[in-house]
Amino acid sequence: MAIEVPSRVQLSDEELDALIDAEARKRLGISGEEFKEKYAKKELPDTPAAREIAMLLKLAA
């Protein structure tokens, strides 16, 4: 018997903000709000972690 795995995950705006905040804190040591500010000013380091979190921001757009 095959197990059905959903091909999509839906997050509310609040859930996505919480995920961005958690990842930014864990991986970069900054809050999600600070990450968003630095992203807007192009002040983030060019690291895989920053690029991956930035992809989450694009989902919110």
C-alpha atoms as a PDB file:
ATOM      1  CA  MET A   1       0.000   0.000   0.000  1.00  0.00           C
ATOM      2  CA  ALA A   2       1.426   3.385  -1.026  1.00  0.00           C
ATOM      3  CA  ILE A   3       1.463   6.312   1.339  1.00  0.00           C
ATOM      4  CA  GLU A   4       0.176   9.554  -0.129  1.00  0.00           C
ATOM      5  CA  VAL A   5       2.404  12.529   0.589  1.00  0.00           C
ATOM      6  CA  PRO A   6       1.077  16.021  -0.084  1.00  0.00           C
ATOM      7  CA  SER A   7       2.944  17.804  -2.874  1.00  0.00           C
ATOM      8  CA  ARG A   8       2.245  21.228  -1.366  1.00  0.00           C
ATOM      9  CA  VAL A   9       2.496  22.793   2.025  1.00  0.00           C
ATOM     10  CA  GLN A  10       0.424  25.863   2.765  1.00  0.00           C
ATOM     11  CA  LEU A  11       1.485  28.354   5.393  1.00  0.00           C
ATOM     12  CA  SER A  12      -0.390  31.374   6.643  1.00  0.00           C
ATOM     13  CA  ASP A  13       1.392  34.734   6.594  1.00  0.00           C
ATOM     14  CA  GLU A  14       1.964  34.392  10.332  1.00  0.00           C
ATOM     15  CA  GLU A  15       3.414  30.890   9.963  1.00  0.00           C
ATOM     16  CA  LEU A  16       5.748  32.042   7.191  1.00  0.00           C
ATOM     17  CA  ASP A  17       6.911  35.019   9.289  1.00  0.00           C
ATOM     18  CA  ALA A  18       7.554  32.673  12.215  1.00  0.00           C
ATOM     19  CA  LEU A  19       9.532  30.306   9.969  1.00  0.00           C
ATOM     20  CA  ILE A  20      11.655  33.176   8.601  1.00  0.00           C
ATOM     21  CA  ASP A  21      12.269  34.435  12.135  1.00  0.00           C
ATOM     22  CA  ALA A  22      13.230  30.983  13.426  1.00  0.00           C
ATOM     23  CA  GLU A  23      15.592  30.284  10.525  1.00  0.00           C
ATOM     24  CA  ALA A  24      17.228  33.722  10.678  1.00  0.00           C
ATOM     25  CA  ARG A  25      17.788  33.381  14.426  1.00  0.00           C
ATOM     26  CA  LYS A  26      19.110  29.820  14.164  1.00  0.00           C
ATOM     27  CA  ARG A  27      21.301  30.258  11.101  1.00  0.00           C
ATOM     28  CA  LEU A  28      22.365  33.916  11.191  1.00  0.00           C
ATOM     29  CA  GLY A  29      21.802  35.013  14.784  1.00  0.00           C
ATOM     30  CA  ILE A  30      19.420  37.823  13.831  1.00  0.00           C
ATOM     31  CA  SER A  31      15.655  38.249  14.042  1.00  0.00           C
ATOM     32  CA  GLY A  32      13.388  37.785  11.069  1.00  0.00           C
ATOM     33  CA  GLU A  33      12.601  41.506  11.111  1.00  0.00           C
ATOM     34  CA  GLU A  34      16.303  42.381  11.025  1.00  0.00           C
ATOM     35  CA  PHE A  35      16.777  39.881   8.204  1.00  0.00           C
ATOM     36  CA  LYS A  36      14.025  41.579   6.187  1.00  0.00           C
ATOM     37  CA  GLU A  37      15.562  45.014   6.767  1.00  0.00           C
ATOM     38  CA  LYS A  38      19.040  43.842   5.744  1.00  0.00           C
ATOM     39  CA  TYR A  39      17.594  42.051   2.724  1.00  0.00           C
ATOM     40  CA  ALA A  40      15.874  45.229   1.555  1.00  0.00           C
ATOM     41  CA  LYS A  41      19.147  47.169   1.928  1.00  0.00           C
ATOM     42  CA  LYS A  42      21.212  44.355   0.311  1.00  0.00           C
ATOM     43  CA  GLU A  43      23.315  44.121   3.470  1.00  0.00           C
ATOM     44  CA  LEU A  44      23.172  40.342   3.959  1.00  0.00           C
ATOM     45  CA  PRO A  45      26.247  38.154   3.651  1.00  0.00           C
ATOM     46  CA  ASP A  46      26.511  36.078   0.488  1.00  0.00           C
ATOM     47  CA  THR A  47      26.088  32.723   2.204  1.00  0.00           C
ATOM     48  CA  PRO A  48      23.925  29.680   1.481  1.00  0.00           C
ATOM     49  CA  ALA A  49      21.955  30.323   4.693  1.00  0.00           C
ATOM     50  CA  ALA A  50      21.121  33.910   3.723  1.00  0.00           C
ATOM     51  CA  ARG A  51      20.142  32.871   0.196  1.00  0.00           C
ATOM     52  CA  GLU A  52      17.910  30.058   1.459  1.00  0.00           C
ATOM     53  CA  ILE A  53      16.103  32.328   3.927  1.00  0.00           C
ATOM     54  CA  ALA A  54      15.725  34.936   1.183  1.00  0.00           C
ATOM     55  CA  MET A  55      13.862  32.304  -0.847  1.00  0.00           C
ATOM     56  CA  LEU A  56      11.332  32.119   1.992  1.00  0.00           C
ATOM     57  CA  LEU A  57      10.873  35.898   1.764  1.00  0.00           C
ATOM     58  CA  LYS A  58      10.033  35.556  -1.914  1.00  0.00           C
ATOM     59  CA  LEU A  59       7.224  33.162  -0.996  1.00  0.00           C
ATOM     60  CA  ALA A  60       5.693  35.927   1.096  1.00  0.00           C
ATOM     61  CA  ALA A  61       5.662  38.366  -1.814  1.00  0.00           C
END
